N, C-alpha and C. Protein backbone atom coordinates (compact mmCIF):
# COMPACT_ATOMS: atom_id res chain seq x y z
N MET A 1 -4.63 -12.67 14.00
CA MET A 1 -5.01 -13.21 14.75
C MET A 1 -5.32 -12.45 15.85
N THR A 2 -6.85 -12.18 16.58
CA THR A 2 -6.62 -11.33 17.47
C THR A 2 -6.18 -12.13 19.33
N GLU A 3 -5.75 -10.99 20.11
CA GLU A 3 -5.48 -11.31 21.30
C GLU A 3 -5.98 -12.34 21.88
N GLN A 4 -7.21 -12.31 21.93
CA GLN A 4 -8.15 -13.60 21.96
C GLN A 4 -8.03 -14.69 21.67
N GLU A 5 -8.38 -14.80 19.87
CA GLU A 5 -7.88 -15.99 19.49
C GLU A 5 -6.68 -16.28 19.75
N GLY A 6 -5.70 -15.62 19.93
CA GLY A 6 -4.16 -15.82 20.38
C GLY A 6 -4.00 -16.92 21.87
N SER A 7 -5.20 -16.29 22.73
CA SER A 7 -5.30 -16.72 23.77
C SER A 7 -5.64 -18.54 23.97
N LYS A 8 -6.60 -18.75 23.18
CA LYS A 8 -6.83 -20.05 22.97
C LYS A 8 -5.64 -21.07 22.74
N HIS A 9 -4.47 -20.35 21.99
CA HIS A 9 -3.27 -22.01 21.55
C HIS A 9 -2.73 -22.02 23.00
N PRO A 10 -2.25 -23.18 22.98
CA PRO A 10 -1.98 -23.84 23.85
C PRO A 10 -0.45 -22.74 24.25
N PHE A 11 0.40 -22.53 23.21
CA PHE A 11 1.86 -21.88 23.54
C PHE A 11 1.50 -20.35 24.37
N TYR A 12 0.08 -19.60 24.37
CA TYR A 12 -0.44 -18.71 24.74
C TYR A 12 0.61 -18.22 25.82
N GLU A 13 1.10 -16.61 26.01
CA GLU A 13 2.09 -16.05 26.92
C GLU A 13 1.16 -14.89 27.02
N ALA A 14 0.47 -15.01 27.86
CA ALA A 14 -0.14 -13.75 29.18
C ALA A 14 0.85 -12.90 29.68
N THR A 15 0.34 -11.26 29.25
CA THR A 15 1.05 -10.42 29.86
C THR A 15 0.68 -10.14 31.11
N ILE A 16 1.87 -9.88 31.68
CA ILE A 16 1.48 -9.60 33.60
C ILE A 16 1.75 -7.97 33.42
N ALA A 17 2.99 -7.36 33.38
CA ALA A 17 3.22 -6.27 33.17
C ALA A 17 4.19 -5.98 31.99
N THR A 18 3.89 -4.58 31.90
CA THR A 18 4.69 -3.85 30.82
C THR A 18 5.42 -2.96 31.42
N LYS A 19 6.55 -2.99 30.54
CA LYS A 19 7.68 -1.53 31.21
C LYS A 19 7.82 -0.80 29.85
N PRO A 20 7.62 0.14 29.73
CA PRO A 20 8.39 1.11 28.23
C PRO A 20 9.18 1.52 28.77
N ILE A 21 10.29 1.49 27.50
CA ILE A 21 11.71 1.49 27.82
C ILE A 21 12.47 3.08 26.94
N PHE A 22 11.60 2.99 25.85
CA PHE A 22 12.19 3.99 24.84
C PHE A 22 10.52 4.14 24.14
N GLU A 23 10.61 5.45 23.56
CA GLU A 23 9.71 6.25 22.72
C GLU A 23 10.56 6.81 21.60
N GLY A 24 10.18 6.66 20.19
CA GLY A 24 10.85 7.57 19.33
C GLY A 24 10.37 7.66 18.55
N ARG A 25 10.68 8.37 16.97
CA ARG A 25 9.49 8.76 16.15
C ARG A 25 8.95 8.05 15.76
N VAL A 26 10.00 6.32 15.08
CA VAL A 26 9.02 5.21 14.45
C VAL A 26 9.04 4.45 15.82
N ILE A 27 9.75 4.39 16.07
CA ILE A 27 9.29 2.79 17.08
C ILE A 27 9.35 3.09 18.65
N SER A 28 9.16 2.17 19.30
CA SER A 28 8.76 2.29 20.85
C SER A 28 9.09 1.06 20.95
N LEU A 29 10.26 1.16 22.30
CA LEU A 29 10.70 -0.73 22.71
C LEU A 29 10.07 -0.78 24.24
N GLN A 30 9.72 -1.89 24.72
CA GLN A 30 9.12 -2.00 25.90
C GLN A 30 9.34 -3.44 26.10
N VAL A 31 9.72 -3.88 27.23
CA VAL A 31 9.67 -5.16 27.97
C VAL A 31 8.28 -5.73 28.54
N ASP A 32 7.87 -6.25 28.53
CA ASP A 32 6.99 -7.18 28.92
C ASP A 32 7.62 -8.40 29.93
N THR A 33 6.60 -8.70 30.78
CA THR A 33 7.05 -9.73 31.74
C THR A 33 5.96 -10.48 31.12
N VAL A 34 5.70 -11.85 30.84
CA VAL A 34 4.63 -12.83 30.62
C VAL A 34 4.70 -14.41 31.57
N THR A 35 3.45 -15.06 31.19
CA THR A 35 3.49 -15.80 32.15
C THR A 35 3.53 -17.11 31.11
N LEU A 36 4.50 -17.95 30.92
CA LEU A 36 4.49 -19.16 30.18
C LEU A 36 3.76 -20.19 30.38
N PRO A 37 3.37 -21.06 28.84
CA PRO A 37 2.38 -22.47 29.36
C PRO A 37 2.61 -23.22 30.58
N ASN A 38 4.01 -22.93 30.66
CA ASN A 38 4.19 -24.38 31.86
C ASN A 38 4.22 -23.52 33.58
N GLY A 39 3.34 -22.04 33.29
CA GLY A 39 3.55 -21.69 34.54
C GLY A 39 4.64 -20.67 35.36
N GLU A 40 5.96 -21.02 34.20
CA GLU A 40 6.58 -20.08 35.05
C GLU A 40 6.97 -18.45 33.99
N THR A 41 7.22 -17.65 34.49
CA THR A 41 6.99 -16.27 34.04
C THR A 41 8.82 -16.33 32.95
N ALA A 42 8.72 -14.85 32.01
CA ALA A 42 9.91 -14.56 31.43
C ALA A 42 9.69 -12.92 30.49
N THR A 43 10.91 -13.08 30.04
CA THR A 43 10.62 -11.34 29.94
C THR A 43 10.76 -11.18 28.06
N ARG A 44 9.74 -10.45 27.41
CA ARG A 44 9.69 -10.41 26.32
C ARG A 44 10.22 -9.08 25.97
N GLU A 45 11.20 -8.63 25.01
CA GLU A 45 11.74 -7.22 24.49
C GLU A 45 11.01 -6.89 23.09
N ILE A 46 10.23 -6.06 23.46
CA ILE A 46 9.05 -5.84 21.96
C ILE A 46 9.45 -4.64 21.33
N VAL A 47 9.75 -4.55 20.34
CA VAL A 47 9.58 -3.20 19.66
C VAL A 47 8.07 -3.22 18.95
N ARG A 48 7.61 -2.27 18.87
CA ARG A 48 6.70 -1.46 18.15
C ARG A 48 6.68 -0.92 17.27
N HIS A 49 6.39 -0.89 16.28
CA HIS A 49 6.07 0.06 14.88
C HIS A 49 4.70 0.53 14.32
N PRO A 50 4.35 1.37 13.36
CA PRO A 50 3.24 1.70 13.35
C PRO A 50 2.51 0.82 11.38
N GLY A 51 4.05 0.25 11.33
CA GLY A 51 3.92 -0.67 10.05
C GLY A 51 3.84 0.36 8.81
N ALA A 52 4.32 -0.66 7.70
CA ALA A 52 4.52 -0.06 6.23
C ALA A 52 4.24 -0.61 5.42
N VAL A 53 4.75 0.06 4.19
CA VAL A 53 4.17 -0.61 2.93
C VAL A 53 5.46 -0.58 1.70
N ALA A 54 5.00 -1.43 1.03
CA ALA A 54 6.33 -1.50 -0.16
C ALA A 54 5.54 -1.82 -1.44
N VAL A 55 6.43 -1.10 -2.38
CA VAL A 55 5.69 -1.24 -3.87
C VAL A 55 6.44 -1.96 -4.51
N LEU A 56 5.69 -3.23 -5.25
CA LEU A 56 6.42 -3.69 -6.78
C LEU A 56 5.84 -3.22 -8.15
N ALA A 57 6.57 -1.89 -8.52
CA ALA A 57 5.84 -1.47 -9.51
C ALA A 57 7.00 -1.57 -10.60
N LEU A 58 5.97 -1.65 -12.13
CA LEU A 58 6.88 -2.08 -13.07
C LEU A 58 6.60 -0.71 -13.75
N LEU A 59 7.60 -0.84 -14.57
CA LEU A 59 7.61 0.79 -15.75
C LEU A 59 7.68 -0.06 -17.15
N ASP A 60 7.29 -0.24 -18.10
CA ASP A 60 7.43 -0.98 -19.35
C ASP A 60 8.56 -2.01 -18.83
N GLY A 61 7.77 -2.75 -18.31
CA GLY A 61 8.59 -4.24 -17.71
C GLY A 61 9.51 -4.31 -16.89
N LYS A 62 9.81 -3.00 -16.49
CA LYS A 62 11.21 -3.31 -15.51
C LYS A 62 10.46 -2.56 -13.94
N MET A 63 11.21 -3.08 -12.57
CA MET A 63 11.23 -2.90 -11.32
C MET A 63 11.64 -1.63 -11.05
N LEU A 64 10.62 -0.44 -10.55
CA LEU A 64 11.47 0.59 -10.10
C LEU A 64 12.21 0.14 -8.49
N VAL A 65 13.31 0.86 -8.34
CA VAL A 65 13.98 0.32 -7.49
C VAL A 65 14.90 1.91 -6.91
N VAL A 66 14.85 1.63 -5.53
CA VAL A 66 15.61 3.09 -4.96
C VAL A 66 16.64 2.59 -4.50
N GLU A 67 17.82 3.33 -4.61
CA GLU A 67 18.98 3.23 -3.65
C GLU A 67 19.16 4.06 -2.63
N GLN A 68 19.32 3.79 -1.18
CA GLN A 68 19.60 4.39 -0.37
C GLN A 68 20.45 3.92 0.75
N TYR A 69 21.18 4.75 1.40
CA TYR A 69 21.89 4.34 2.45
C TYR A 69 21.49 3.66 3.65
N ARG A 70 21.82 2.55 4.25
CA ARG A 70 20.90 1.93 5.50
C ARG A 70 22.03 1.96 6.60
N LYS A 71 21.99 2.96 7.50
CA LYS A 71 22.62 2.93 8.70
C LYS A 71 22.62 1.79 9.51
N PRO A 72 21.60 1.17 10.15
CA PRO A 72 22.24 0.23 10.99
C PRO A 72 22.85 -1.57 10.09
N LEU A 73 22.60 -1.09 8.77
CA LEU A 73 23.60 -1.97 7.72
C LEU A 73 25.18 -1.40 7.47
N GLU A 74 25.31 0.04 7.60
CA GLU A 74 26.30 0.67 7.13
C GLU A 74 26.66 0.28 5.61
N LYS A 75 25.37 -0.09 4.84
CA LYS A 75 25.84 0.51 3.18
C LYS A 75 24.71 0.57 2.71
N ALA A 76 24.65 0.91 1.31
CA ALA A 76 23.67 0.96 0.54
C ALA A 76 23.09 -0.06 0.29
N GLN A 77 21.31 0.09 -0.26
CA GLN A 77 21.00 -0.81 -0.40
C GLN A 77 19.65 -0.81 -1.57
N THR A 78 19.44 -1.70 -2.61
CA THR A 78 18.48 -1.32 -3.48
C THR A 78 17.60 -2.21 -2.80
N GLU A 79 16.36 -1.45 -3.10
CA GLU A 79 14.94 -1.54 -2.30
C GLU A 79 13.60 -1.06 -3.30
N VAL A 80 12.70 -2.07 -3.08
CA VAL A 80 11.27 -1.34 -3.80
C VAL A 80 11.07 -0.28 -2.97
N PRO A 81 10.27 0.60 -3.43
CA PRO A 81 9.78 1.61 -2.84
C PRO A 81 9.37 1.14 -1.65
N ALA A 82 9.33 2.49 -0.24
CA ALA A 82 8.86 1.79 0.79
C ALA A 82 8.49 2.98 1.84
N GLY A 83 7.86 2.72 2.84
CA GLY A 83 7.31 3.88 3.92
C GLY A 83 7.03 3.63 4.77
N LYS A 84 6.84 3.50 6.23
CA LYS A 84 6.23 3.61 7.20
C LYS A 84 4.62 4.21 7.05
N LEU A 85 3.88 3.39 7.94
CA LEU A 85 2.51 4.22 7.96
C LEU A 85 2.51 5.78 8.21
N ASP A 86 1.24 6.62 8.15
CA ASP A 86 1.57 7.71 9.18
C ASP A 86 0.43 7.61 9.78
N ALA A 87 -0.18 8.22 11.12
CA ALA A 87 -0.67 7.26 12.36
C ALA A 87 -2.23 7.75 10.86
N GLY A 88 -2.75 6.43 11.32
CA GLY A 88 -4.75 6.71 10.79
C GLY A 88 -4.42 6.52 9.54
N GLU A 89 -3.49 6.32 8.92
CA GLU A 89 -3.23 6.25 7.24
C GLU A 89 -3.80 5.00 6.78
N ALA A 90 -4.26 4.75 5.82
CA ALA A 90 -4.62 3.51 4.96
C ALA A 90 -3.47 2.74 4.63
N PRO A 91 -3.06 1.69 4.29
CA PRO A 91 -1.95 0.90 3.40
C PRO A 91 -1.89 1.39 2.33
N GLU A 92 -3.22 1.05 1.44
CA GLU A 92 -3.19 1.22 0.22
C GLU A 92 -2.97 3.24 -0.30
N ALA A 93 -3.57 4.03 0.80
CA ALA A 93 -2.84 5.33 0.51
C ALA A 93 -1.41 5.83 0.37
N ALA A 94 -0.94 4.96 1.71
CA ALA A 94 0.69 4.97 1.82
C ALA A 94 1.60 4.89 0.73
N ALA A 95 0.77 3.37 0.31
CA ALA A 95 1.45 2.99 -1.01
C ALA A 95 2.10 3.94 -1.97
N LEU A 96 0.85 4.19 -2.37
CA LEU A 96 0.73 5.25 -3.48
C LEU A 96 1.06 6.37 -3.40
N ARG A 97 1.18 6.72 -1.75
CA ARG A 97 2.48 8.04 -1.39
C ARG A 97 3.78 8.06 -1.75
N GLU A 98 4.05 6.69 -1.21
CA GLU A 98 5.43 6.48 -1.08
C GLU A 98 6.09 5.96 -2.17
N LEU A 99 5.10 5.66 -3.46
CA LEU A 99 5.95 5.24 -5.02
C LEU A 99 5.94 6.50 -5.51
N GLU A 100 5.31 7.83 -5.27
CA GLU A 100 5.15 8.79 -6.40
C GLU A 100 6.62 9.64 -5.37
N GLU A 101 6.74 9.96 -3.94
CA GLU A 101 7.66 10.28 -3.04
C GLU A 101 8.75 9.97 -3.21
N GLU A 102 9.15 8.38 -3.63
CA GLU A 102 10.29 7.88 -3.49
C GLU A 102 11.21 7.51 -5.32
N THR A 103 9.44 7.65 -6.25
CA THR A 103 10.21 7.30 -7.65
C THR A 103 9.59 8.78 -8.79
N GLY A 104 8.59 9.11 -7.98
CA GLY A 104 8.21 10.15 -8.74
C GLY A 104 7.46 9.78 -9.74
N PHE A 105 6.84 8.46 -10.05
CA PHE A 105 5.66 7.95 -9.98
C PHE A 105 3.84 8.00 -9.64
N GLN A 106 3.19 7.56 -10.39
CA GLN A 106 2.39 7.67 -9.51
C GLN A 106 1.51 6.22 -10.25
N ALA A 107 0.46 6.18 -9.62
CA ALA A 107 0.23 4.81 -10.26
C ALA A 107 -1.84 4.80 -10.05
N LYS A 108 -1.97 4.27 -11.57
CA LYS A 108 -3.66 4.44 -11.65
C LYS A 108 -4.30 3.94 -10.87
N SER A 109 -3.64 2.32 -10.35
CA SER A 109 -4.22 1.50 -9.15
C SER A 109 -3.59 0.58 -8.69
N ILE A 110 -3.60 0.08 -7.38
CA ILE A 110 -2.70 -0.86 -6.84
C ILE A 110 -3.45 -2.18 -6.15
N VAL A 111 -2.69 -3.33 -6.28
CA VAL A 111 -3.48 -4.23 -6.05
C VAL A 111 -2.73 -4.80 -4.55
N HIS A 112 -3.15 -5.47 -3.79
CA HIS A 112 -2.75 -5.98 -2.36
C HIS A 112 -2.11 -6.84 -2.47
N LEU A 113 -1.25 -7.60 -2.79
CA LEU A 113 -0.33 -8.61 -3.08
C LEU A 113 -0.43 -9.08 -1.51
N HIS A 114 -0.09 -9.32 -0.60
CA HIS A 114 0.64 -9.73 0.72
C HIS A 114 0.92 -8.85 1.86
N SER A 115 0.60 -9.37 3.33
CA SER A 115 1.30 -8.65 4.29
C SER A 115 1.89 -9.73 5.28
N PHE A 116 3.33 -9.03 5.84
CA PHE A 116 3.60 -9.97 6.31
C PHE A 116 4.77 -9.56 7.88
N SER A 117 5.47 -10.21 8.45
CA SER A 117 5.69 -9.85 9.39
C SER A 117 7.22 -9.90 9.65
N THR A 118 7.96 -8.68 10.06
CA THR A 118 9.31 -8.63 9.09
C THR A 118 10.18 -9.33 10.45
N SER A 119 9.94 -9.52 11.99
CA SER A 119 10.75 -9.79 12.42
C SER A 119 9.74 -10.21 13.95
N PRO A 120 8.82 -11.51 13.67
CA PRO A 120 7.98 -11.73 14.64
C PRO A 120 8.54 -11.51 16.30
N GLY A 121 10.20 -12.30 16.20
CA GLY A 121 10.48 -12.57 17.32
C GLY A 121 10.61 -11.51 18.43
N PHE A 122 10.83 -10.51 17.64
CA PHE A 122 11.07 -9.41 18.80
C PHE A 122 10.01 -8.32 18.30
N ALA A 123 9.64 -7.67 16.87
CA ALA A 123 9.13 -6.88 16.69
C ALA A 123 7.40 -7.04 16.36
N ASP A 124 6.33 -6.64 16.16
CA ASP A 124 5.11 -5.95 15.63
C ASP A 124 5.21 -5.99 14.23
N GLU A 125 6.24 -5.04 13.79
CA GLU A 125 5.74 -4.42 12.48
C GLU A 125 5.15 -5.05 11.43
N ILE A 126 4.10 -5.22 10.44
CA ILE A 126 3.51 -5.58 9.38
C ILE A 126 4.09 -4.71 8.19
N ILE A 127 4.52 -5.28 6.99
CA ILE A 127 4.59 -4.72 6.16
C ILE A 127 3.57 -4.93 5.07
N HIS A 128 3.05 -4.29 3.90
CA HIS A 128 1.76 -4.54 2.86
C HIS A 128 2.53 -4.53 2.02
N LEU A 129 2.55 -5.40 1.21
CA LEU A 129 3.13 -5.51 -0.29
C LEU A 129 2.17 -5.25 -1.27
N TYR A 130 2.70 -4.58 -2.13
CA TYR A 130 1.09 -4.13 -3.34
C TYR A 130 2.07 -3.83 -4.78
N PHE A 131 0.93 -4.22 -5.64
CA PHE A 131 1.75 -4.18 -6.93
C PHE A 131 0.94 -3.12 -7.88
N ALA A 132 1.89 -2.13 -8.63
CA ALA A 132 1.04 -1.30 -9.33
C ALA A 132 2.10 -1.34 -10.79
N GLU A 133 1.20 -1.21 -11.88
CA GLU A 133 1.31 -1.58 -13.31
C GLU A 133 1.25 -0.39 -13.90
N GLU A 134 0.47 0.02 -14.01
CA GLU A 134 0.25 1.54 -15.29
C GLU A 134 0.50 2.33 -14.27
N LEU A 135 1.34 3.40 -14.78
CA LEU A 135 2.39 3.97 -14.16
C LEU A 135 2.09 5.73 -14.66
N ASP A 136 2.48 6.73 -14.29
CA ASP A 136 2.64 8.01 -14.98
C ASP A 136 3.12 8.75 -13.84
N ARG A 137 3.99 9.59 -15.06
CA ARG A 137 5.44 11.03 -14.60
C ARG A 137 4.32 11.14 -13.00
N GLY A 138 5.01 11.12 -12.45
CA GLY A 138 4.15 12.28 -11.11
C GLY A 138 5.39 13.22 -10.39
N GLU A 139 5.62 13.31 -9.15
CA GLU A 139 6.67 14.17 -8.43
C GLU A 139 7.49 14.01 -7.56
N LEU A 140 8.61 13.91 -7.87
CA LEU A 140 9.67 12.92 -6.98
C LEU A 140 9.50 14.31 -5.83
N ARG A 141 9.34 13.80 -4.29
CA ARG A 141 9.36 14.19 -3.43
C ARG A 141 9.61 13.68 -1.83
N PRO A 142 11.29 12.92 -2.27
CA PRO A 142 11.89 12.53 -1.07
C PRO A 142 11.62 13.19 0.50
N ASP A 143 11.43 12.68 1.95
CA ASP A 143 11.71 13.41 2.75
C ASP A 143 12.64 14.24 2.39
N GLU A 144 12.64 15.38 3.71
CA GLU A 144 13.91 15.86 3.88
C GLU A 144 15.05 15.05 4.20
N ASP A 145 15.09 14.06 4.64
CA ASP A 145 16.26 13.16 5.77
C ASP A 145 16.44 11.92 4.65
N GLU A 146 15.97 12.38 3.42
CA GLU A 146 15.96 10.76 2.95
C GLU A 146 16.94 10.81 1.58
N PHE A 147 17.92 10.76 0.83
CA PHE A 147 18.88 10.32 -0.34
C PHE A 147 18.97 8.93 -1.01
N LEU A 148 17.88 9.43 -2.38
CA LEU A 148 18.16 7.95 -2.74
C LEU A 148 18.09 8.18 -4.10
N THR A 149 18.45 7.08 -4.85
CA THR A 149 18.02 7.23 -6.34
C THR A 149 17.35 6.43 -6.94
N CYS A 150 16.86 6.62 -8.04
CA CYS A 150 15.42 5.41 -8.35
C CYS A 150 16.52 5.14 -9.82
N GLU A 151 16.17 3.68 -10.01
CA GLU A 151 16.52 3.25 -11.44
C GLU A 151 14.84 2.11 -11.25
N ALA A 152 15.31 1.77 -13.11
CA ALA A 152 14.38 0.49 -13.19
C ALA A 152 15.29 -0.29 -13.96
N ILE A 153 14.65 -1.54 -13.45
CA ILE A 153 15.59 -3.00 -13.69
C ILE A 153 14.97 -3.70 -14.34
N THR A 154 15.59 -4.68 -15.05
CA THR A 154 15.20 -5.77 -15.49
C THR A 154 14.88 -6.80 -14.32
N LEU A 155 14.47 -7.80 -14.37
CA LEU A 155 14.27 -9.11 -13.38
C LEU A 155 15.53 -9.81 -13.73
N GLU A 156 16.34 -10.22 -15.10
CA GLU A 156 17.86 -10.46 -15.02
C GLU A 156 18.14 -9.61 -13.45
N GLN A 157 18.19 -8.66 -13.81
CA GLN A 157 19.29 -7.40 -12.77
C GLN A 157 18.95 -7.46 -11.70
N ALA A 158 17.20 -7.51 -11.01
CA ALA A 158 17.20 -8.18 -10.02
C ALA A 158 17.81 -8.93 -9.41
N LEU A 159 17.35 -10.24 -10.10
CA LEU A 159 18.10 -11.58 -9.79
C LEU A 159 19.90 -11.39 -9.29
N GLU A 160 20.38 -10.21 -10.11
CA GLU A 160 22.07 -10.26 -10.20
C GLU A 160 22.10 -9.74 -8.88
N TYR A 161 21.56 -8.49 -8.45
CA TYR A 161 21.60 -7.95 -7.55
C TYR A 161 21.29 -8.56 -5.98
N VAL A 162 20.43 -9.65 -6.08
CA VAL A 162 20.10 -10.38 -5.15
C VAL A 162 21.26 -11.55 -4.50
N ARG A 163 21.68 -11.92 -6.08
CA ARG A 163 23.26 -12.54 -5.49
C ARG A 163 24.28 -11.96 -5.27
N ASP A 164 24.59 -10.69 -5.42
CA ASP A 164 25.41 -9.53 -5.10
C ASP A 164 25.59 -9.19 -4.10
N GLY A 165 24.43 -9.46 -3.36
CA GLY A 165 23.60 -8.54 -1.68
C GLY A 165 23.60 -6.99 -1.59
N ARG A 166 23.26 -6.50 -3.30
CA ARG A 166 22.49 -5.61 -3.44
C ARG A 166 21.51 -5.21 -2.91
N ILE A 167 20.45 -6.53 -3.15
CA ILE A 167 18.75 -7.09 -2.58
C ILE A 167 19.07 -7.87 -1.72
N CYS A 168 19.12 -7.29 -0.09
CA CYS A 168 18.82 -8.58 0.92
C CYS A 168 18.14 -7.56 1.64
N ASP A 169 17.50 -7.10 1.65
CA ASP A 169 16.02 -7.21 2.61
C ASP A 169 14.41 -7.63 2.06
N ALA A 170 13.84 -8.13 3.57
CA ALA A 170 13.24 -9.19 2.88
C ALA A 170 12.00 -8.69 2.23
N LYS A 171 11.50 -7.36 1.97
CA LYS A 171 10.09 -7.02 1.41
C LYS A 171 10.68 -6.96 -0.29
N THR A 172 12.24 -6.43 -0.52
CA THR A 172 12.22 -6.43 -1.46
C THR A 172 12.60 -8.02 -2.26
N LEU A 173 13.21 -8.55 -1.44
CA LEU A 173 13.34 -10.30 -1.88
C LEU A 173 12.11 -11.06 -2.16
N LEU A 174 11.31 -10.25 -1.25
CA LEU A 174 9.53 -10.87 -1.50
C LEU A 174 9.14 -10.44 -2.81
N ALA A 175 9.22 -9.00 -3.54
CA ALA A 175 8.58 -8.47 -4.50
C ALA A 175 9.27 -8.89 -5.47
N VAL A 176 10.56 -9.28 -5.42
CA VAL A 176 11.55 -10.11 -6.80
C VAL A 176 11.05 -11.31 -6.81
N GLN A 177 10.69 -12.20 -6.17
CA GLN A 177 10.21 -13.66 -6.21
C GLN A 177 8.64 -13.10 -6.75
N ALA A 178 7.78 -12.46 -6.31
CA ALA A 178 6.59 -12.12 -6.56
C ALA A 178 6.55 -12.15 -8.35
N TRP A 179 7.26 -11.16 -8.52
CA TRP A 179 7.60 -10.65 -9.95
C TRP A 179 7.96 -11.76 -10.77
N ARG A 180 9.07 -12.49 -10.28
CA ARG A 180 9.47 -13.95 -10.86
C ARG A 180 8.22 -14.32 -11.50
N ILE A 181 7.55 -14.99 -10.31
CA ILE A 181 6.48 -15.78 -10.78
C ILE A 181 5.18 -14.88 -11.66
N TYR A 182 4.87 -14.14 -11.27
CA TYR A 182 3.99 -13.15 -12.01
C TYR A 182 4.78 -13.02 -13.75
N SER A 183 5.87 -13.22 -13.94
CA SER A 183 6.75 -13.15 -15.06
C SER A 183 6.41 -14.28 -15.77
N LEU A 184 6.42 -15.57 -15.35
CA LEU A 184 6.47 -17.03 -15.54
C LEU A 184 4.79 -17.38 -15.51
N THR A 185 3.66 -16.86 -14.95
CA THR A 185 2.83 -17.59 -14.91
C THR A 185 1.68 -16.26 -15.14
N GLY A 186 1.41 -15.08 -15.16
CA GLY A 186 0.66 -13.92 -15.11
C GLY A 186 -0.09 -14.11 -13.95
N LEU A 187 0.18 -14.53 -12.94
CA LEU A 187 -0.73 -14.33 -11.64
C LEU A 187 0.55 -14.79 -10.69
N PHE A 188 -0.09 -13.93 -9.46
CA PHE A 188 0.89 -13.37 -8.05
C PHE A 188 0.21 -14.70 -7.39
C-alpha cells in the first residue's frame, strides 16, 4: 500500500515532523510526530531498514540452515540463510547471493514465496522469502564479521529445533511451515 492509499484509511496518521536520531550501517532510527485520527498528536519511534531476504533451500530433501550467534538474543540461533539487501539490489539477486555466501550452494532458480513485515509496530523492514531446490556446490563466502556453520536438516529435525527454541526467528519459522505445507501438498 502506498502512502497515498494509506492516507485514505480512517486510522491514517499524518506525519507532521521527523527527527533523525541515529544513522548506522544497517539501520536508522527516527522519531516522527504524527496527527492521530482524533486530531491529537503522538510520537512514533521508527527503525528504518533496507529490507532483507531469506531462502528456504532444500538439498536432497533436507533444509539448509546456518547456526550463528545472535548478540541481541545472547545465544546461538539456527536459521535459514538470509541477509540484508544491498543498496539498489533486487531481492532475487540478494537471495541467490546470500544462499551461496552462507551455505556454499548455488541455486539454478528460485521462487518468491512471500514478503512480510518483521515488526510493523516500530520497523519498516520487509523480508522476501524465496524457495530453492535445484542446488549445485558453489563457494562458501561469509562476510568478514560473520561466523557460522551450515547443516542440512530433515523436517522432523526442524520441528524439533522449533520445540527446543533453537529455531525461534520469524523468517525461519515461516520457512519451516512453508516446507511442512509443501511436503504435505506439493504446493506452497
